Amino acid sequence: MNTPNERQGGLASSRAHSARVYDYILGGKDHYPADVEAGDAMVRHWPALPVHMLENRRFMHRAARYLAEEQGVRQFLDVGTGLPTSPNLHEIVQEVAPESHVVYVDNDPIVLAHARALLESSPEGATAYVDANMHDPEAILESTEFRELIDLERPVGLMVIGIMHFILPPDDRRLVQRLLDPLPSGSYLAMTIGTGDFAPQEVGRVAEEYRQQGMPMALRDLATATSFFDGLELVDPAVTQVHTWRPGPEQDGVDGRDIAMYGAVARKP
């Protein structure tokens, strides 16, 4: 996902960017030599990084399907969308309920260039892309796209996936809360939160590589990760490593030492 406090001019870049590094490590094609160099260095530091990133993405798929299938959520706000690797959020939820609405938010120019892939909605539903920054929640909440597609009289699924490790204290909780505040009772927060709890040395070296590339990270322990859900009703199994949150057959054999991300879904009472 994109680093929220970084905005690059134009698509070409001589500096690595987290959205493109993520794309490269997962086998995508939308990246530059600087991203390849940074990604290769990170994988040398921690060979499990591709597994970790893939399980973060799979958590998003399971959480979105849970909200659409089991909780009847029909509108979603996805902050920190990243490059549109299929299946995207709207493909997951519109498979369950074609009438679903999805608003994507990111501020990376290359994500904007590929946003048309995020706008291929089912005829019954709708998607939109907001070129905005999580550090400016007002720009998201006041955007035409949000106001037109999100009905604040009905529950919303707020998805904050793979971005919180780039949101540094002390702004982190305030920004999440500002996005939650206008959402009605019965809305949900689905979030993943980077941690060094399970492979501290390897993940620490990856974090240092990100820092050297101009992308400082904040890794959080279980207590800190759980605190983001204060005041909300956690869905079982509460805050856990992403591969153990309502796992499916794809998670068989995944080693917890290879996963440096907590994940959870919680309901706004």
Protein backbone atom coordinates (compact mmCIF):
# COMPACT_ATOMS: atom_id res chain seq x y z
CA MET A 1 0.00 0.00 0.00
CA ASN A 2 1.08 3.53 -0.50
CA THR A 3 2.95 5.60 2.01
CA PRO A 4 0.36 8.23 2.95
CA ASN A 5 2.77 11.11 3.54
CA GLU A 6 4.57 10.71 0.25
CA ARG A 7 3.38 12.19 -3.02
CA GLN A 8 5.49 11.75 -6.13
CA GLY A 9 5.25 13.94 -9.19
CA GLY A 10 4.53 11.94 -12.35
CA LEU A 11 4.67 8.21 -12.79
CA ALA A 12 8.41 7.76 -13.32
CA SER A 13 10.38 7.58 -10.09
CA SER A 14 13.96 6.97 -9.12
CA ARG A 15 12.86 6.17 -5.55
CA ALA A 16 11.15 3.04 -4.35
CA HIS A 17 7.51 3.34 -3.36
CA SER A 18 5.78 0.89 -1.06
CA ALA A 19 2.83 0.20 -3.39
CA ARG A 20 5.20 -0.73 -6.20
CA VAL A 21 7.52 -2.74 -3.95
CA TYR A 22 4.45 -4.69 -2.82
CA ASP A 23 3.48 -5.20 -6.47
CA TYR A 24 6.97 -6.41 -7.38
CA ILE A 25 7.32 -8.86 -4.50
CA LEU A 26 3.92 -10.37 -5.29
CA GLY A 27 4.86 -10.87 -8.93
CA GLY A 28 3.14 -7.88 -10.51
CA LYS A 29 4.43 -5.73 -13.33
CA ASP A 30 3.75 -2.14 -12.25
CA HIS A 31 7.07 -1.11 -10.77
CA TYR A 32 10.42 0.51 -11.58
CA PRO A 33 14.07 -0.52 -11.13
CA ALA A 34 14.26 1.27 -7.77
CA ASP A 35 11.36 -0.85 -6.53
CA VAL A 36 13.03 -4.04 -7.74
CA GLU A 37 16.25 -3.11 -5.97
CA ALA A 38 14.46 -2.32 -2.72
CA GLY A 39 12.24 -5.40 -2.93
CA ASP A 40 15.18 -7.71 -3.58
CA ALA A 41 17.01 -6.25 -0.58
CA MET A 42 13.98 -6.76 1.66
CA VAL A 43 13.54 -10.37 0.57
CA ARG A 44 17.22 -11.01 1.26
CA HIS A 45 16.64 -9.70 4.79
CA TRP A 46 13.50 -11.82 5.22
CA PRO A 47 12.83 -14.53 2.61
CA ALA A 48 9.30 -15.02 4.02
CA LEU A 49 8.25 -11.52 2.96
CA PRO A 50 6.27 -12.68 -0.12
CA VAL A 51 4.32 -15.16 2.02
CA HIS A 52 3.61 -12.44 4.57
CA MET A 53 2.36 -10.03 1.90
CA LEU A 54 0.20 -12.67 0.25
CA GLU A 55 -1.47 -13.57 3.55
CA ASN A 56 -2.20 -9.91 4.21
CA ARG A 57 -4.03 -9.78 0.88
CA ARG A 58 -5.88 -13.01 1.58
CA PHE A 59 -7.05 -11.62 4.91
CA MET A 60 -8.65 -8.73 3.04
CA HIS A 61 -10.49 -11.18 0.80
CA ARG A 62 -11.82 -13.22 3.75
CA ALA A 63 -12.77 -10.17 5.80
CA ALA A 64 -14.61 -8.58 2.87
CA ARG A 65 -16.47 -11.79 2.11
CA TYR A 66 -17.40 -12.18 5.78
CA LEU A 67 -18.84 -8.66 5.88
CA ALA A 68 -20.77 -9.11 2.64
CA GLU A 69 -21.99 -12.68 3.18
CA GLU A 70 -22.52 -12.92 6.93
CA GLN A 71 -23.17 -9.32 7.97
CA GLY A 72 -24.96 -7.99 4.89
CA VAL A 73 -22.67 -4.99 4.41
CA ARG A 74 -23.25 -3.45 1.00
CA GLN A 75 -20.94 -0.42 1.02
CA PHE A 76 -17.22 -0.24 1.64
CA LEU A 77 -14.54 2.41 2.07
CA ASP A 78 -11.08 1.02 1.23
CA VAL A 79 -8.30 3.37 2.41
CA GLY A 80 -4.82 2.68 1.07
CA THR A 81 -5.99 0.63 -1.87
CA GLY A 82 -2.65 0.10 -3.59
CA LEU A 83 -2.24 -1.28 -7.07
CA PRO A 84 -5.36 -3.04 -8.39
CA THR A 85 -4.33 -6.69 -8.16
CA SER A 86 -7.31 -8.91 -8.97
CA PRO A 87 -9.45 -9.93 -7.22
CA ASN A 88 -10.06 -6.44 -5.92
CA LEU A 89 -12.38 -5.62 -3.06
CA HIS A 90 -15.34 -4.85 -5.31
CA GLU A 91 -14.91 -8.16 -7.15
CA ILE A 92 -15.12 -10.02 -3.84
CA VAL A 93 -18.16 -8.22 -2.44
CA GLN A 94 -20.05 -7.85 -5.73
CA GLU A 95 -19.74 -11.58 -6.28
CA VAL A 96 -21.78 -11.90 -3.07
CA ALA A 97 -24.03 -8.88 -3.64
CA PRO A 98 -23.78 -7.25 -7.09
CA GLU A 99 -25.44 -4.07 -5.80
CA SER A 100 -22.52 -3.28 -3.46
CA HIS A 101 -20.79 0.11 -3.55
CA VAL A 102 -17.03 0.50 -3.04
CA VAL A 103 -15.04 3.71 -2.67
CA TYR A 104 -11.29 3.24 -3.09
CA VAL A 105 -8.79 5.75 -1.68
CA ASP A 106 -5.10 6.14 -2.49
CA ASN A 107 -2.67 8.90 -3.34
CA ASP A 108 0.00 7.19 -5.43
CA PRO A 109 0.08 8.47 -9.04
CA ILE A 110 0.65 4.98 -10.43
CA VAL A 111 -2.42 3.69 -8.56
CA LEU A 112 -4.39 6.59 -10.04
CA ALA A 113 -3.15 5.63 -13.51
CA HIS A 114 -4.51 2.11 -13.04
CA ALA A 115 -7.69 3.16 -11.27
CA ARG A 116 -9.86 2.23 -14.24
CA ALA A 117 -9.35 -1.41 -13.18
CA LEU A 118 -11.00 -0.46 -9.88
CA LEU A 119 -13.99 1.08 -11.63
CA GLU A 120 -15.22 -1.97 -13.54
CA SER A 121 -18.23 -2.43 -11.32
CA SER A 122 -21.12 -4.79 -11.76
CA PRO A 123 -24.05 -3.08 -13.50
CA GLU A 124 -26.09 -3.21 -10.31
CA GLY A 125 -23.37 -1.72 -8.08
CA ALA A 126 -20.90 1.14 -8.22
CA THR A 127 -17.24 1.86 -7.53
CA ALA A 128 -15.28 5.11 -7.33
CA TYR A 129 -11.69 6.18 -6.76
CA VAL A 130 -10.68 9.10 -4.53
CA ASP A 131 -7.20 10.53 -5.02
CA ALA A 132 -6.58 11.40 -1.37
CA ASN A 133 -4.35 10.76 1.62
CA MET A 134 -5.18 9.05 4.90
CA HIS A 135 -3.49 11.95 6.65
CA ASP A 136 -6.30 14.14 5.28
CA PRO A 137 -9.47 12.27 6.26
CA GLU A 138 -11.59 15.35 5.54
CA ALA A 139 -10.63 15.11 1.86
CA ILE A 140 -11.93 11.54 1.85
CA LEU A 141 -15.14 12.17 3.77
CA GLU A 142 -15.98 15.37 1.87
CA SER A 143 -15.21 13.98 -1.57
CA THR A 144 -17.98 13.82 -4.15
CA GLU A 145 -17.35 10.11 -4.60
CA PHE A 146 -17.82 9.34 -0.91
CA ARG A 147 -20.92 11.49 -0.60
CA GLU A 148 -22.53 10.00 -3.71
CA LEU A 149 -21.78 6.32 -3.10
CA ILE A 150 -21.86 5.98 0.69
CA ASP A 151 -25.19 6.24 2.49
CA LEU A 152 -24.45 7.10 6.12
CA GLU A 153 -27.82 5.75 7.16
CA ARG A 154 -26.60 2.20 6.43
CA PRO A 155 -23.59 0.23 7.72
CA VAL A 156 -20.22 0.71 6.04
CA GLY A 157 -17.21 -1.59 5.95
CA LEU A 158 -14.08 0.50 6.56
CA MET A 159 -11.07 -1.41 5.22
CA VAL A 160 -7.61 -0.27 6.37
CA ILE A 161 -5.41 -3.04 5.01
CA GLY A 162 -1.62 -3.05 4.88
CA ILE A 163 -1.20 0.67 5.55
CA MET A 164 -1.09 1.27 9.30
CA HIS A 165 2.61 0.46 9.60
CA PHE A 166 3.20 3.59 7.50
CA ILE A 167 1.04 5.74 9.79
CA LEU A 168 3.28 6.87 12.60
CA PRO A 169 2.26 7.88 16.13
CA PRO A 170 0.84 10.13 17.42
CA ASP A 171 -1.54 10.54 14.45
CA ASP A 172 -2.43 6.89 13.96
CA ARG A 173 -5.42 6.40 16.26
CA ARG A 174 -6.83 9.86 15.58
CA LEU A 175 -6.89 9.27 11.83
CA VAL A 176 -8.62 5.91 12.13
CA GLN A 177 -11.15 7.35 14.56
CA ARG A 178 -11.88 10.30 12.27
CA LEU A 179 -12.84 7.89 9.51
CA LEU A 180 -14.97 5.84 11.89
CA ASP A 181 -16.79 8.75 13.52
CA PRO A 182 -19.34 9.49 10.76
CA LEU A 183 -20.11 5.83 10.10
CA PRO A 184 -23.37 4.58 11.61
CA SER A 185 -23.86 1.93 14.24
CA GLY A 186 -23.47 -1.52 12.71
CA SER A 187 -20.51 -0.46 10.58
CA TYR A 188 -17.29 -2.46 10.69
CA LEU A 189 -13.56 -1.79 10.79
CA ALA A 190 -11.29 -4.37 9.14
CA MET A 191 -7.61 -3.61 9.68
CA THR A 192 -4.18 -5.19 9.42
CA ILE A 193 -1.32 -3.92 11.57
CA GLY A 194 2.37 -4.70 11.09
CA THR A 195 4.28 -6.27 13.98
CA GLY A 196 7.73 -7.46 14.89
CA ASP A 197 6.43 -9.93 17.46
CA PHE A 198 7.13 -13.13 15.51
CA ALA A 199 10.36 -12.55 13.56
CA PRO A 200 11.81 -9.47 15.24
CA GLN A 201 15.28 -9.51 13.74
CA GLU A 202 14.19 -10.19 10.16
CA VAL A 203 11.25 -7.81 10.23
CA GLY A 204 13.42 -5.17 11.88
CA ARG A 205 15.85 -5.38 8.98
CA VAL A 206 12.99 -5.02 6.49
CA ALA A 207 11.72 -1.99 8.39
CA GLU A 208 15.18 -0.47 8.29
CA GLU A 209 15.33 -1.00 4.53
CA TYR A 210 12.00 0.80 4.17
CA ARG A 211 13.33 3.63 6.35
CA GLN A 212 16.43 3.99 4.20
CA GLN A 213 14.14 4.23 1.17
CA GLY A 214 12.30 7.15 2.81
CA MET A 215 9.38 5.08 4.13
CA PRO A 216 9.62 4.92 7.94
CA MET A 217 7.52 2.24 9.58
CA ALA A 218 5.91 1.68 12.97
CA LEU A 219 5.71 -1.94 14.12
CA ARG A 220 3.23 -2.63 16.93
CA ASP A 221 2.89 -5.34 19.55
CA LEU A 222 -0.37 -7.17 20.25
CA ALA A 223 -1.54 -4.79 22.98
CA THR A 224 -0.97 -1.74 20.79
CA ALA A 225 -2.63 -3.38 17.80
CA THR A 226 -5.64 -4.30 19.93
CA SER A 227 -5.97 -0.73 21.20
CA PHE A 228 -7.00 0.44 17.72
CA PHE A 229 -10.29 -1.40 18.29
CA ASP A 230 -11.11 0.18 21.66
CA GLY A 231 -14.82 0.94 21.85
CA LEU A 232 -15.64 -1.57 19.09
CA GLU A 233 -16.96 -5.13 19.33
CA LEU A 234 -14.30 -7.50 18.07
CA VAL A 235 -15.41 -10.38 15.86
CA ASP A 236 -13.98 -13.78 16.84
CA PRO A 237 -11.12 -14.63 16.82
CA ALA A 238 -10.38 -11.00 17.78
CA VAL A 239 -6.88 -9.66 17.00
CA THR A 240 -4.68 -12.41 15.63
CA GLN A 241 -2.09 -13.04 12.96
CA VAL A 242 -3.78 -12.54 9.62
CA HIS A 243 -3.43 -16.14 8.46
CA THR A 244 -5.27 -17.38 11.56
CA TRP A 245 -8.28 -15.09 11.19
CA ARG A 246 -11.07 -17.41 9.98
CA PRO A 247 -8.61 -19.38 7.85
CA GLY A 248 -9.43 -21.49 4.84
CA PRO A 249 -7.59 -24.33 3.12
CA GLU A 250 -5.13 -21.82 1.61
CA GLN A 251 -3.75 -21.17 5.09
CA ASP A 252 -2.86 -24.82 5.73
CA GLY A 253 0.84 -25.09 6.39
CA VAL A 254 1.52 -21.35 6.77
CA ASP A 255 4.22 -20.85 9.40
CA GLY A 256 3.40 -18.15 11.95
CA ARG A 257 7.05 -17.09 11.95
CA ASP A 258 6.51 -15.97 8.35
CA ILE A 259 3.66 -13.59 9.17
CA ALA A 260 4.33 -10.13 10.63
CA MET A 261 0.79 -8.75 10.52
CA TYR A 262 -2.07 -8.73 12.98
CA GLY A 263 -5.59 -8.52 11.64
CA ALA A 264 -9.07 -8.10 13.02
CA VAL A 265 -12.64 -7.13 12.20
CA ALA A 266 -14.75 -5.20 14.69
CA ARG A 267 -18.28 -3.80 14.77
CA LYS A 268 -19.17 -0.25 15.73
CA PRO A 269 -21.91 -0.50 18.38
